[in-house]
Amino acid sequence: MAFLEKQSPGRVLLDDTVALTALIEASQNLQSHTVSLLRPGKWTQTVIKRYSDFDMLNSSLLVSGVSLPLPPKKLLGNMDREFIAERQRGLQVYLDFITQHHILATCQLVKKFLDTNNYSANYTEIALQQVSMFFRSDPKWEVVEPLKDIGWRIRKKYFLIKNKEQPKERQVLSWVDLGPDKFLSDKDLQSTMKLLPSLTNPYIYPVTFANTSELSALVIRMFNEKGTLRDLICKVKPKEAFMRKYCIPKKIQGLELQQIRTYGRQILEVLRFLHEKGFPYGHLHASNIVIEDNTCKVLDIENSLLGLPSYYRPYITQFRKINTTESIDVYSFGHLLYEMTYGRPPDAVPVDQYPAVTYTSVVSVLQSILSTDACKTGMPTVAQLLQTPLFSDVLLFHSEKLQFKIPTKLRDALKTAKECMEKRLQEEQKTHRRLTRAQSHHGSEEEKRRRKILARKVENTVTDSGTPSRTRAHRHGLGHTVTDSGTPSRTRAHRHGLGHTVTDSGTPSRTRAHRHGLGTSLVLPTTSGLVFCHYLFCNYFI
């Protein structure tokens, strides 16, 4: 694909659905805060943030309408030690809130604040460059306007476009980076994407054009002026930013029972159709559905091909029983059914208590998918849901012939890719369980007492002159000594590559211990209000 620029092959494909958690390690009297960033599986970096940085982030997030718990400013007494400690606790509460909020946690503002290295790119500009190259290769298209931030994915951008031969029609072009679940070969991906415009199903929104490069994809569809099902439920304008529309919608309204039954049956028919074709989906939610003439049409069926993780990935990783593409679709259908019924997503999952509603048949289906028992022991299949009283007697009227011919070779490639997706999910679920156990252990009273005792022992190893005394590690030659100039001398651990050295700039060089994840140290000038941090990697995070 010449029109999509070939990018650097060594780039790591990040899973942007993975929540970033942050811990404030220390506070200094210059209002600096050291924020340690943790991804499930590894420590990534330490960043320095002042209160003014938090305040700027908070101002940017106000567009969401969410009441954010940022500690207030204080002009007098803000150098007091007790106040600094209290503010640190308040900022930790603030970080926990935004990193646990399903929409805020996935927005680029929060990701960039915590992980500047990976989220500083201007994806709108990158997308514009790629789209411009496409237009040069096919000049019949023209951009009408960018649809800024209408979606939740950081690396997916939308543009309203028109065909010069049909200037009154508006279509929407989406450009997206390939994701970490892309397991098809480039050739098979290209072939499968080219099949999408030929797909015929009354409940799948048609694709006008689709193509890919090695690291990105471009898809064109007709633009629906009424927006998505979620726009309908929240009564918002389709072109508004995702965060503004959906964080705290001002008006919400669930659907009537007949609409729930009809739309639910149509959606289940789509899922059955795709599963029978061996085509993975996994991206069902209210923003991926449009309504035309009382008919549901599913969007973005290409997402799994492109390796994009599910919108509900942070929930799915918590439950080991949701470990296949069909179970992901069923679980996502449960979320969608809840939202169609109550006008909003569930506050938390599992859901064992439901608001009062006259639709008892709906609640029974929701319980079979979203309850604690269902999430732990398993949920129904798509075929079983179609047999429930809620959907079994819904009449469908369509004369359109179902068509989606996938060559046998591509079917085999899709099957292998689906198995790889499921395997990655299962590995991520195992990591989540290990991390949960580690966090539980770290927060236990016994572990807190152990850390206090260890901290006192460390303090006792420092002499009155400020020079570290020799501890057991040093006596065995595994630590370091300090010369009169303050420079660490190389001991047995360093000579064997198990320690660390510090450059004149204060930056630690990586030695064998660091390369094997055994620890790292960083010395920063105390005059700038920064701190000395030492991290030791724990087996729970490997």
Protein backbone atom coordinates (compact mmCIF):
# COMPACT_ATOMS: atom_id res chain seq x y z
CA MET A 1 0.00 0.00 0.00
CA ALA A 2 1.79 3.08 -1.24
CA PHE A 3 -0.67 5.64 0.05
CA LEU A 4 -0.10 4.68 3.69
CA GLU A 5 3.37 5.67 4.72
CA LYS A 6 5.61 2.85 5.89
CA GLN A 7 6.62 3.53 9.49
CA SER A 8 9.51 2.30 11.60
CA PRO A 9 9.32 -1.51 11.92
CA GLY A 10 10.70 -1.61 15.46
CA ARG A 11 7.82 0.21 17.09
CA VAL A 12 6.13 -1.49 20.05
CA LEU A 13 2.34 -1.89 19.68
CA LEU A 14 0.89 -0.79 23.01
CA ASP A 15 -2.44 -1.92 24.43
CA ASP A 16 -4.05 1.42 25.24
CA THR A 17 -6.86 -0.27 27.16
CA VAL A 18 -4.41 -1.28 29.91
CA ALA A 19 -5.04 1.05 32.83
CA LEU A 20 -2.03 2.96 34.13
CA THR A 21 -1.76 3.07 37.90
CA ALA A 22 0.43 5.61 39.63
CA LEU A 23 1.87 5.88 43.13
CA ILE A 24 3.26 9.10 44.59
CA GLU A 25 6.46 7.96 46.25
CA ALA A 26 7.52 11.20 47.95
CA SER A 27 6.85 14.91 48.27
CA GLN A 28 9.37 17.74 48.50
CA ASN A 29 9.09 21.26 49.87
CA LEU A 30 9.10 22.75 46.37
CA GLN A 31 5.71 21.16 45.68
CA SER A 32 7.23 18.47 43.49
CA HIS A 33 5.82 14.97 43.51
CA THR A 34 7.52 11.84 42.29
CA VAL A 35 4.94 9.68 40.51
CA SER A 36 5.90 6.05 39.93
CA LEU A 37 4.14 4.58 36.95
CA LEU A 38 3.15 0.92 36.96
CA ARG A 39 1.90 -1.19 34.07
CA PRO A 40 0.73 -4.70 34.85
CA GLY A 41 3.90 -6.71 34.47
CA LYS A 42 6.65 -4.14 34.89
CA TRP A 43 7.75 -0.78 36.22
CA THR A 44 8.25 1.65 33.35
CA GLN A 45 9.42 5.00 34.59
CA THR A 46 9.48 7.61 37.29
CA VAL A 47 8.23 11.09 36.47
CA ILE A 48 8.28 14.36 38.36
CA LYS A 49 5.07 16.35 38.68
CA ARG A 50 4.35 19.61 40.51
CA TYR A 51 0.97 20.66 41.80
CA SER A 52 0.65 23.03 38.86
CA ASP A 53 0.91 20.00 36.51
CA PHE A 54 -1.97 18.33 38.31
CA ASP A 55 -3.93 21.57 38.13
CA MET A 56 -3.39 21.86 34.36
CA LEU A 57 -4.51 18.25 33.85
CA ASN A 58 -7.58 18.86 35.96
CA SER A 59 -8.50 21.94 33.93
CA SER A 60 -8.26 19.91 30.71
CA LEU A 61 -10.49 17.16 32.13
CA LEU A 62 -13.25 19.53 33.25
CA VAL A 63 -14.82 19.21 29.79
CA SER A 64 -15.96 15.74 30.88
CA GLY A 65 -18.31 17.22 33.47
CA VAL A 66 -17.02 14.76 36.08
CA SER A 67 -16.53 16.14 39.61
CA LEU A 68 -12.81 15.55 40.15
CA PRO A 69 -11.31 15.35 43.68
CA LEU A 70 -8.24 17.57 43.12
CA PRO A 71 -7.00 19.03 46.46
CA PRO A 72 -7.45 22.83 46.54
CA LYS A 73 -4.65 25.35 46.19
CA LYS A 74 -3.16 27.02 49.26
CA LEU A 75 -1.24 30.29 49.09
CA LEU A 76 -0.11 30.53 52.72
CA GLY A 77 1.40 27.70 54.71
CA ASN A 78 1.95 25.53 51.67
CA MET A 79 5.53 24.74 52.75
CA ASP A 80 4.37 23.19 56.02
CA ARG A 81 5.37 19.55 56.33
CA GLU A 82 1.93 18.42 57.51
CA PHE A 83 0.26 20.25 54.65
CA ILE A 84 2.62 18.66 52.11
CA ALA A 85 1.83 15.20 53.50
CA GLU A 86 -1.90 15.93 53.40
CA ARG A 87 -1.66 17.20 49.82
CA GLN A 88 0.27 14.09 48.80
CA ARG A 89 -2.55 11.92 50.14
CA GLY A 90 -5.10 14.08 48.34
CA LEU A 91 -3.23 13.85 45.03
CA GLN A 92 -3.00 10.08 45.40
CA VAL A 93 -6.79 9.95 45.79
CA TYR A 94 -7.06 12.11 42.66
CA LEU A 95 -4.78 9.82 40.65
CA ASP A 96 -6.65 6.73 41.80
CA PHE A 97 -9.94 8.31 40.74
CA ILE A 98 -8.95 9.24 37.20
CA THR A 99 -7.05 5.99 36.54
CA GLN A 100 -10.05 3.93 37.66
CA HIS A 101 -12.63 5.90 35.67
CA HIS A 102 -13.38 3.85 32.54
CA ILE A 103 -13.49 6.82 30.12
CA LEU A 104 -10.96 9.18 31.71
CA ALA A 105 -8.36 6.42 32.11
CA THR A 106 -8.26 5.79 28.36
CA CYS A 107 -8.05 9.42 27.20
CA GLN A 108 -4.75 10.77 25.89
CA LEU A 109 -4.65 13.60 28.46
CA VAL A 110 -4.33 11.13 31.34
CA LYS A 111 -2.08 8.72 29.44
CA LYS A 112 0.30 11.51 28.45
CA PHE A 113 0.38 12.90 32.01
CA LEU A 114 1.52 9.53 33.37
CA ASP A 115 3.49 8.13 30.43
CA THR A 116 4.90 10.99 28.38
CA ASN A 117 7.30 8.78 26.44
CA ASN A 118 4.55 6.70 24.83
CA TYR A 119 1.69 9.19 24.50
CA SER A 120 3.15 12.50 23.33
CA ALA A 121 2.60 11.95 19.61
CA ASN A 122 0.09 14.12 17.76
CA TYR A 123 -2.05 11.37 16.27
CA THR A 124 -4.36 13.80 14.51
CA GLU A 125 -1.39 15.22 12.60
CA ILE A 126 -0.09 11.73 11.81
CA ALA A 127 -3.52 10.70 10.55
CA LEU A 128 -3.80 13.83 8.40
CA GLN A 129 -0.48 13.05 6.74
CA GLN A 130 -1.58 9.48 5.99
CA VAL A 131 -4.99 10.57 4.70
CA SER A 132 -3.40 13.23 2.48
CA MET A 133 -1.23 10.58 0.88
CA PHE A 134 -4.33 8.48 0.23
CA PHE A 135 -6.09 11.44 -1.41
CA ARG A 136 -3.10 12.01 -3.68
CA SER A 137 -3.40 8.41 -4.89
CA ASP A 138 -7.18 8.71 -5.30
CA PRO A 139 -8.05 12.39 -5.92
CA LYS A 140 -11.83 11.87 -6.10
CA TRP A 141 -11.99 12.21 -2.29
CA GLU A 142 -11.91 15.48 -0.34
CA VAL A 143 -11.85 16.23 3.42
CA VAL A 144 -14.84 18.23 4.64
CA GLU A 145 -13.77 18.48 8.29
CA PRO A 146 -11.92 16.50 10.98
CA LEU A 147 -14.24 14.85 13.53
CA LYS A 148 -12.11 15.66 16.54
CA ASP A 149 -12.11 13.14 19.40
CA ILE A 150 -15.52 11.63 18.58
CA GLY A 151 -14.12 8.19 19.42
CA TRP A 152 -12.43 6.83 22.54
CA ARG A 153 -9.36 5.28 20.93
CA ILE A 154 -6.24 7.41 21.20
CA ARG A 155 -4.75 6.13 17.93
CA LYS A 156 -7.93 6.25 15.85
CA LYS A 157 -8.99 9.46 14.08
CA TYR A 158 -12.05 10.32 12.02
CA PHE A 159 -12.63 12.68 9.11
CA LEU A 160 -15.83 13.71 7.38
CA ILE A 161 -15.17 13.40 3.64
CA LYS A 162 -17.02 13.59 0.34
CA ASN A 163 -16.71 12.06 -3.08
CA LYS A 164 -16.30 14.83 -5.66
CA GLU A 165 -18.52 12.87 -8.03
CA GLN A 166 -21.30 12.87 -5.38
CA PRO A 167 -20.64 16.09 -3.45
CA LYS A 168 -23.85 16.04 -1.39
CA GLU A 169 -23.11 12.68 0.23
CA ARG A 170 -21.04 12.67 3.40
CA GLN A 171 -18.88 9.71 4.34
CA VAL A 172 -16.64 9.14 7.33
CA LEU A 173 -13.04 8.01 7.00
CA SER A 174 -11.35 6.36 9.97
CA TRP A 175 -7.59 5.96 10.27
CA VAL A 176 -6.08 3.78 13.00
CA ASP A 177 -2.78 2.27 14.09
CA LEU A 178 -2.70 -1.52 14.15
CA GLY A 179 -2.97 -2.94 17.65
CA PRO A 180 -1.23 -5.61 19.76
CA ASP A 181 -3.79 -8.31 18.83
CA LYS A 182 -2.93 -8.22 15.13
CA PHE A 183 -2.01 -11.82 14.35
CA LEU A 184 -2.86 -12.04 10.64
CA SER A 185 0.03 -11.76 8.21
CA ASP A 186 0.13 -8.52 6.21
CA LYS A 187 -0.98 -10.39 3.10
CA ASP A 188 -3.91 -12.13 4.82
CA LEU A 189 -4.96 -8.91 6.52
CA GLN A 190 -4.94 -7.05 3.23
CA SER A 191 -6.99 -9.80 1.56
CA THR A 192 -9.55 -9.94 4.36
CA MET A 193 -9.97 -6.16 4.48
CA LYS A 194 -10.64 -6.09 0.74
CA LEU A 195 -13.52 -8.54 1.30
CA LEU A 196 -15.37 -6.18 3.67
CA PRO A 197 -17.08 -4.03 0.97
CA SER A 198 -18.57 -7.23 -0.47
CA LEU A 199 -20.13 -8.25 2.88
CA THR A 200 -23.95 -8.17 2.74
CA ASN A 201 -25.95 -8.35 5.97
CA PRO A 202 -28.93 -6.16 6.93
CA TYR A 203 -27.55 -5.72 10.46
CA ILE A 204 -23.96 -4.78 9.55
CA TYR A 205 -23.20 -1.22 8.47
CA PRO A 206 -21.67 -1.42 4.97
CA VAL A 207 -18.04 -0.56 4.21
CA THR A 208 -17.32 1.59 1.15
CA PHE A 209 -13.54 1.09 1.09
CA ALA A 210 -10.95 -0.61 3.30
CA ASN A 211 -7.19 -1.00 3.07
CA THR A 212 -4.10 -1.38 5.23
CA SER A 213 -0.38 -0.78 5.37
CA GLU A 214 2.11 -2.60 7.60
CA LEU A 215 1.20 -0.51 10.67
CA SER A 216 -2.10 1.27 10.00
CA ALA A 217 -5.48 0.96 8.31
CA LEU A 218 -7.99 3.19 6.57
CA VAL A 219 -11.74 2.49 6.29
CA ILE A 220 -14.53 4.55 4.67
CA ARG A 221 -18.26 4.29 5.47
CA MET A 222 -21.35 6.44 4.92
CA PHE A 223 -21.82 9.04 7.65
CA ASN A 224 -24.97 8.62 9.76
CA GLU A 225 -26.30 12.07 10.69
CA LYS A 226 -28.21 10.69 13.69
CA GLY A 227 -25.11 9.18 15.23
CA THR A 228 -24.83 5.96 17.19
CA LEU A 229 -27.18 4.12 19.54
CA ARG A 230 -25.34 5.70 22.49
CA ASP A 231 -25.91 9.16 20.98
CA LEU A 232 -29.61 8.28 20.81
CA ILE A 233 -29.71 7.06 24.41
CA CYS A 234 -27.74 10.05 25.77
CA LYS A 235 -29.49 12.54 23.45
CA VAL A 236 -26.24 14.18 22.32
CA LYS A 237 -24.90 15.48 19.03
CA PRO A 238 -22.84 12.90 17.12
CA LYS A 239 -19.94 15.25 16.31
CA GLU A 240 -19.19 16.20 19.93
CA ALA A 241 -16.11 14.82 21.69
CA PHE A 242 -16.50 11.37 23.26
CA MET A 243 -15.50 12.53 26.75
CA ARG A 244 -17.90 15.49 26.68
CA LYS A 245 -20.79 13.37 25.40
CA TYR A 246 -20.63 10.31 27.59
CA CYS A 247 -18.86 10.94 30.91
CA ILE A 248 -21.82 12.72 32.50
CA PRO A 249 -24.62 12.95 29.93
CA LYS A 250 -27.24 15.53 30.90
CA LYS A 251 -30.16 13.54 29.51
CA ILE A 252 -30.43 9.80 29.30
CA GLN A 253 -33.33 7.59 28.40
CA GLY A 254 -33.55 3.83 28.16
CA LEU A 255 -35.40 2.19 25.29
CA GLU A 256 -38.90 0.76 25.21
CA LEU A 257 -39.24 -2.99 25.73
CA GLN A 258 -40.14 -3.66 22.10
CA GLN A 259 -37.07 -1.74 20.93
CA ILE A 260 -34.87 -3.69 23.35
CA ARG A 261 -36.25 -6.99 22.10
CA THR A 262 -35.97 -6.06 18.40
CA TYR A 263 -32.50 -4.49 18.58
CA GLY A 264 -31.25 -7.27 20.85
CA ARG A 265 -32.44 -9.97 18.44
CA GLN A 266 -30.87 -8.20 15.46
CA ILE A 267 -27.54 -7.83 17.26
CA LEU A 268 -27.53 -11.48 18.31
CA GLU A 269 -28.20 -12.46 14.69
CA VAL A 270 -25.09 -10.50 13.65
CA LEU A 271 -22.98 -12.25 16.27
CA ARG A 272 -24.27 -15.67 15.16
CA PHE A 273 -23.55 -14.80 11.53
CA LEU A 274 -19.97 -13.73 12.24
CA HIS A 275 -19.25 -16.72 14.47
CA GLU A 276 -20.54 -19.12 11.82
CA LYS A 277 -18.16 -17.48 9.33
CA GLY A 278 -15.25 -17.88 11.75
CA PHE A 279 -14.91 -14.10 11.86
CA PRO A 280 -13.88 -12.69 15.29
CA TYR A 281 -15.59 -9.50 16.51
CA GLY A 282 -15.29 -8.62 20.22
CA HIS A 283 -16.10 -4.91 19.80
CA LEU A 284 -19.80 -4.70 20.58
CA HIS A 285 -20.90 -1.59 22.49
CA ALA A 286 -23.48 1.15 22.08
CA SER A 287 -21.11 3.47 20.20
CA ASN A 288 -20.55 0.77 17.58
CA ILE A 289 -24.21 0.56 16.57
CA VAL A 290 -26.29 2.86 14.39
CA ILE A 291 -30.07 2.79 13.94
CA GLU A 292 -31.61 3.12 10.49
CA ASP A 293 -35.33 2.61 9.92
CA ASN A 294 -35.73 0.76 13.23
CA THR A 295 -32.87 -1.56 12.32
CA CYS A 296 -29.61 -2.00 14.23
CA LYS A 297 -26.45 -1.99 12.16
CA VAL A 298 -23.14 -2.99 13.75
CA LEU A 299 -20.00 -0.94 13.08
CA ASP A 300 -16.25 -1.62 13.10
CA ILE A 301 -16.30 -5.34 12.38
CA GLU A 302 -12.71 -4.89 11.13
CA ASN A 303 -11.35 -4.01 14.59
CA SER A 304 -10.32 -7.53 15.56
CA LEU A 305 -8.53 -8.02 12.24
CA LEU A 306 -6.52 -4.87 12.97
CA GLY A 307 -5.55 -6.13 16.43
CA LEU A 308 -7.47 -3.51 18.41
CA PRO A 309 -8.32 -4.53 22.00
CA SER A 310 -11.95 -4.47 23.12
CA TYR A 311 -13.59 -1.43 24.75
CA TYR A 312 -14.34 -3.70 27.74
CA ARG A 313 -10.83 -5.16 27.95
CA PRO A 314 -10.18 -3.77 31.48
CA TYR A 315 -13.26 -5.66 32.72
CA ILE A 316 -12.65 -8.82 30.72
CA THR A 317 -9.16 -9.38 32.13
CA GLN A 318 -10.69 -9.76 35.62
CA PHE A 319 -12.70 -12.88 34.75
CA ARG A 320 -11.00 -16.08 33.63
CA LYS A 321 -14.27 -17.50 32.23
CA ILE A 322 -14.39 -14.75 29.59
CA ASN A 323 -11.58 -16.28 27.58
CA THR A 324 -12.96 -16.78 24.06
CA THR A 325 -14.10 -14.36 21.37
CA GLU A 326 -17.69 -15.62 21.73
CA SER A 327 -17.70 -15.11 25.50
CA ILE A 328 -16.35 -11.58 24.94
CA ASP A 329 -19.24 -10.90 22.56
CA VAL A 330 -21.78 -12.27 25.04
CA TYR A 331 -20.30 -10.25 27.91
CA SER A 332 -20.31 -7.11 25.75
CA PHE A 333 -23.93 -7.84 24.80
CA GLY A 334 -24.77 -7.88 28.53
CA HIS A 335 -23.30 -4.37 28.92
CA LEU A 336 -25.22 -3.20 25.86
CA LEU A 337 -28.50 -4.72 27.07
CA TYR A 338 -28.05 -2.98 30.44
CA GLU A 339 -27.43 0.35 28.72
CA MET A 340 -30.46 -0.04 26.43
CA THR A 341 -32.61 -0.82 29.48
CA TYR A 342 -31.41 1.81 31.97
CA GLY A 343 -29.96 4.48 29.68
CA ARG A 344 -26.48 4.20 31.17
CA PRO A 345 -23.73 1.58 31.57
CA PRO A 346 -23.49 -0.37 34.84
CA ASP A 347 -21.53 1.41 37.58
CA ALA A 348 -19.47 -1.71 38.25
CA VAL A 349 -19.33 -5.34 37.19
CA PRO A 350 -20.38 -7.94 38.35
CA VAL A 351 -23.94 -6.64 38.82
CA ASP A 352 -26.12 -8.42 41.38
CA GLN A 353 -28.56 -5.61 42.20
CA TYR A 354 -30.62 -3.99 39.45
CA PRO A 355 -32.68 -0.78 39.53
CA ALA A 356 -36.43 -1.29 39.51
CA VAL A 357 -37.79 -1.92 36.03
CA THR A 358 -40.96 -3.49 34.71
CA TYR A 359 -39.05 -5.62 32.21
CA THR A 360 -38.44 -8.74 34.34
CA SER A 361 -37.55 -10.79 31.28
CA VAL A 362 -34.70 -8.34 30.57
CA VAL A 363 -33.35 -8.58 34.12
CA SER A 364 -33.22 -12.38 33.97
CA VAL A 365 -31.05 -12.21 30.84
CA LEU A 366 -28.82 -9.56 32.44
CA GLN A 367 -28.35 -11.78 35.49
CA SER A 368 -27.31 -14.69 33.27
CA ILE A 369 -24.47 -12.54 31.85
CA LEU A 370 -23.41 -9.89 34.38
CA SER A 371 -24.00 -11.49 37.79
CA THR A 372 -21.14 -12.64 40.01
CA ASP A 373 -22.12 -16.26 39.44
CA ALA A 374 -22.16 -15.84 35.64
CA CYS A 375 -18.77 -14.10 35.57
CA LYS A 376 -17.22 -16.84 37.71
CA THR A 377 -18.86 -19.98 36.33
CA GLY A 378 -19.70 -19.03 32.76
CA MET A 379 -22.38 -17.30 30.73
CA PRO A 380 -24.75 -18.42 27.99
CA THR A 381 -23.78 -18.77 24.35
CA VAL A 382 -25.24 -16.63 21.57
CA ALA A 383 -27.44 -19.58 20.49
CA GLN A 384 -28.78 -19.93 24.04
CA LEU A 385 -29.55 -16.21 24.26
CA LEU A 386 -31.52 -16.42 21.03
CA GLN A 387 -33.69 -19.11 22.64
CA THR A 388 -34.63 -17.01 25.68
CA PRO A 389 -38.26 -15.74 25.85
CA LEU A 390 -36.98 -12.18 25.48
CA PHE A 391 -35.74 -12.75 21.93
CA SER A 392 -37.03 -16.10 20.62
CA ASP A 393 -40.38 -14.86 19.23
CA VAL A 394 -39.14 -11.56 17.75
CA LEU A 395 -40.00 -11.45 14.04
CA LEU A 396 -37.33 -10.22 11.65
CA PHE A 397 -38.17 -8.69 8.31
CA HIS A 398 -35.41 -8.45 5.73
CA SER A 399 -35.18 -9.45 2.11
CA GLU A 400 -31.44 -8.89 1.83
CA LYS A 401 -29.44 -12.00 1.08
CA LEU A 402 -26.68 -12.73 3.60
CA GLN A 403 -23.35 -12.89 1.86
CA PHE A 404 -19.76 -13.03 3.06
CA LYS A 405 -17.59 -15.45 1.11
CA ILE A 406 -14.28 -16.12 2.83
CA PRO A 407 -11.81 -18.39 1.00
CA THR A 408 -10.75 -21.52 2.87
CA LYS A 409 -7.17 -20.34 3.25
CA LEU A 410 -8.31 -17.10 4.86
CA ARG A 411 -10.71 -19.00 7.12
CA ASP A 412 -7.75 -21.02 8.42
CA ALA A 413 -5.73 -17.82 8.93
CA LEU A 414 -8.64 -16.22 10.82
CA LYS A 415 -8.98 -19.29 13.02
CA THR A 416 -5.28 -19.18 13.92
CA ALA A 417 -5.45 -15.43 14.60
CA LYS A 418 -8.50 -15.92 16.84
CA GLU A 419 -6.66 -18.58 18.84
CA CYS A 420 -3.69 -16.23 19.28
CA MET A 421 -5.99 -13.43 20.50
CA GLU A 422 -7.55 -15.77 23.04
CA LYS A 423 -4.15 -16.97 24.20
CA ARG A 424 -2.93 -13.39 24.77
CA LEU A 425 -6.08 -12.63 26.72
CA GLN A 426 -5.62 -15.69 28.91
CA GLU A 427 -2.01 -14.74 29.62
CA GLU A 428 -3.12 -11.23 30.52
CA GLN A 429 -5.76 -12.65 32.87
CA LYS A 430 -3.06 -14.69 34.63
CA THR A 431 -0.92 -11.57 35.00
CA HIS A 432 -3.92 -9.69 36.41
CA ARG A 433 -4.47 -12.39 39.04
CA ARG A 434 -0.79 -12.32 40.06
CA LEU A 435 -0.88 -8.54 40.27
CA THR A 436 -4.06 -8.60 42.36
CA ARG A 437 -2.46 -11.05 44.80
CA ALA A 438 0.66 -8.89 44.97
CA GLN A 439 -1.33 -5.74 45.66
CA SER A 440 -3.32 -7.54 48.34
CA HIS A 441 -0.11 -8.74 49.96
CA HIS A 442 1.49 -5.29 49.68
CA GLY A 443 -1.46 -3.68 51.47
CA SER A 444 -1.70 -6.25 54.29
CA GLU A 445 -0.98 -5.15 57.86
CA GLU A 446 1.77 -7.73 58.19
CA GLU A 447 3.55 -6.40 55.10
CA LYS A 448 3.19 -2.81 56.31
CA ARG A 449 4.82 -3.74 59.63
CA ARG A 450 7.61 -5.53 57.80
CA ARG A 451 8.31 -2.46 55.66
CA LYS A 452 8.40 -0.21 58.74
CA ILE A 453 10.92 -2.51 60.43
CA LEU A 454 13.01 -2.61 57.26
CA ALA A 455 12.91 1.18 56.99
CA ARG A 456 14.19 1.54 60.58
CA LYS A 457 17.02 -0.90 59.83
CA VAL A 458 18.01 1.13 56.79
CA GLU A 459 18.05 4.31 58.87
CA ASN A 460 20.29 2.61 61.44
CA THR A 461 22.89 1.82 58.78
CA VAL A 462 23.69 5.51 58.32
CA THR A 463 26.35 6.96 60.67
CA ASP A 464 26.28 10.41 62.22
CA SER A 465 28.64 11.66 59.53
CA GLY A 466 26.14 10.70 56.83
CA THR A 467 28.35 7.90 55.45
CA PRO A 468 26.59 4.54 54.99
CA SER A 469 27.87 1.83 57.30
CA ARG A 470 28.64 -1.64 55.98
CA THR A 471 25.55 -3.86 55.99
CA ARG A 472 25.34 -7.58 55.27
CA ALA A 473 25.20 -6.90 51.51
CA HIS A 474 28.36 -4.82 51.70
CA ARG A 475 30.14 -7.33 53.92
CA HIS A 476 29.55 -9.93 51.24
CA GLY A 477 30.81 -7.58 48.56
CA LEU A 478 27.38 -7.11 46.97
CA GLY A 479 26.82 -3.45 47.75
CA HIS A 480 28.95 -0.36 47.26
CA THR A 481 31.22 1.83 49.32
CA VAL A 482 31.43 5.60 49.21
CA THR A 483 34.74 7.41 48.79
CA ASP A 484 35.59 10.74 50.39
CA SER A 485 34.49 12.46 47.20
CA GLY A 486 31.05 10.88 47.49
CA THR A 487 31.57 8.65 44.46
CA PRO A 488 30.62 4.95 44.83
CA SER A 489 33.58 2.64 44.36
CA ARG A 490 33.16 -0.62 42.41
CA THR A 491 32.74 -3.68 44.64
CA ARG A 492 32.32 -7.34 43.82
CA ALA A 493 28.68 -6.87 42.76
CA HIS A 494 29.65 -4.11 40.36
CA ARG A 495 32.61 -6.00 38.99
CA HIS A 496 30.25 -8.86 38.13
CA GLY A 497 27.76 -6.50 36.54
CA LEU A 498 25.17 -6.84 39.34
CA GLY A 499 25.16 -3.30 40.61
CA HIS A 500 24.81 0.08 39.06
CA THR A 501 26.87 3.13 38.30
CA VAL A 502 25.76 6.73 38.24
CA THR A 503 26.91 9.19 35.60
CA ASP A 504 27.90 12.77 36.33
CA SER A 505 24.46 13.90 35.21
CA GLY A 506 22.84 11.70 37.84
CA THR A 507 21.59 9.15 35.34
CA PRO A 508 22.15 5.46 36.22
CA SER A 509 23.77 3.32 33.58
CA ARG A 510 22.19 -0.09 32.92
CA THR A 511 24.23 -3.10 34.06
CA ARG A 512 23.50 -6.80 34.04
CA ALA A 513 21.34 -6.57 37.17
CA HIS A 514 19.15 -3.95 35.58
CA ARG A 515 18.89 -5.83 32.32
CA HIS A 516 17.61 -8.83 34.28
CA GLY A 517 15.07 -6.67 36.15
CA LEU A 518 16.84 -6.84 39.54
CA GLY A 519 16.64 -3.17 40.38
CA THR A 520 17.58 0.37 39.50
CA SER A 521 18.64 3.47 41.33
CA LEU A 522 18.38 7.08 40.34
CA VAL A 523 20.10 10.00 42.04
CA LEU A 524 18.55 13.39 41.37
CA PRO A 525 19.77 16.77 42.67
CA THR A 526 18.00 17.56 45.95
CA THR A 527 18.24 21.30 45.27
CA SER A 528 15.59 20.98 42.57
CA GLY A 529 13.12 19.43 44.97
CA LEU A 530 13.53 15.95 43.52
CA VAL A 531 14.28 12.73 45.33
CA PHE A 532 16.47 9.64 45.43
CA CYS A 533 14.37 6.62 44.46
CA HIS A 534 15.40 2.98 44.52
CA TYR A 535 13.12 0.31 43.06
CA LEU A 536 13.53 -3.42 43.52
CA PHE A 537 11.52 -5.52 41.07
CA CYS A 538 9.15 -8.01 42.67
CA ASN A 539 8.44 -11.46 41.25
CA TYR A 540 4.75 -10.63 41.28
CA PHE A 541 5.31 -8.17 38.45
CA ILE A 542 7.51 -10.33 36.20
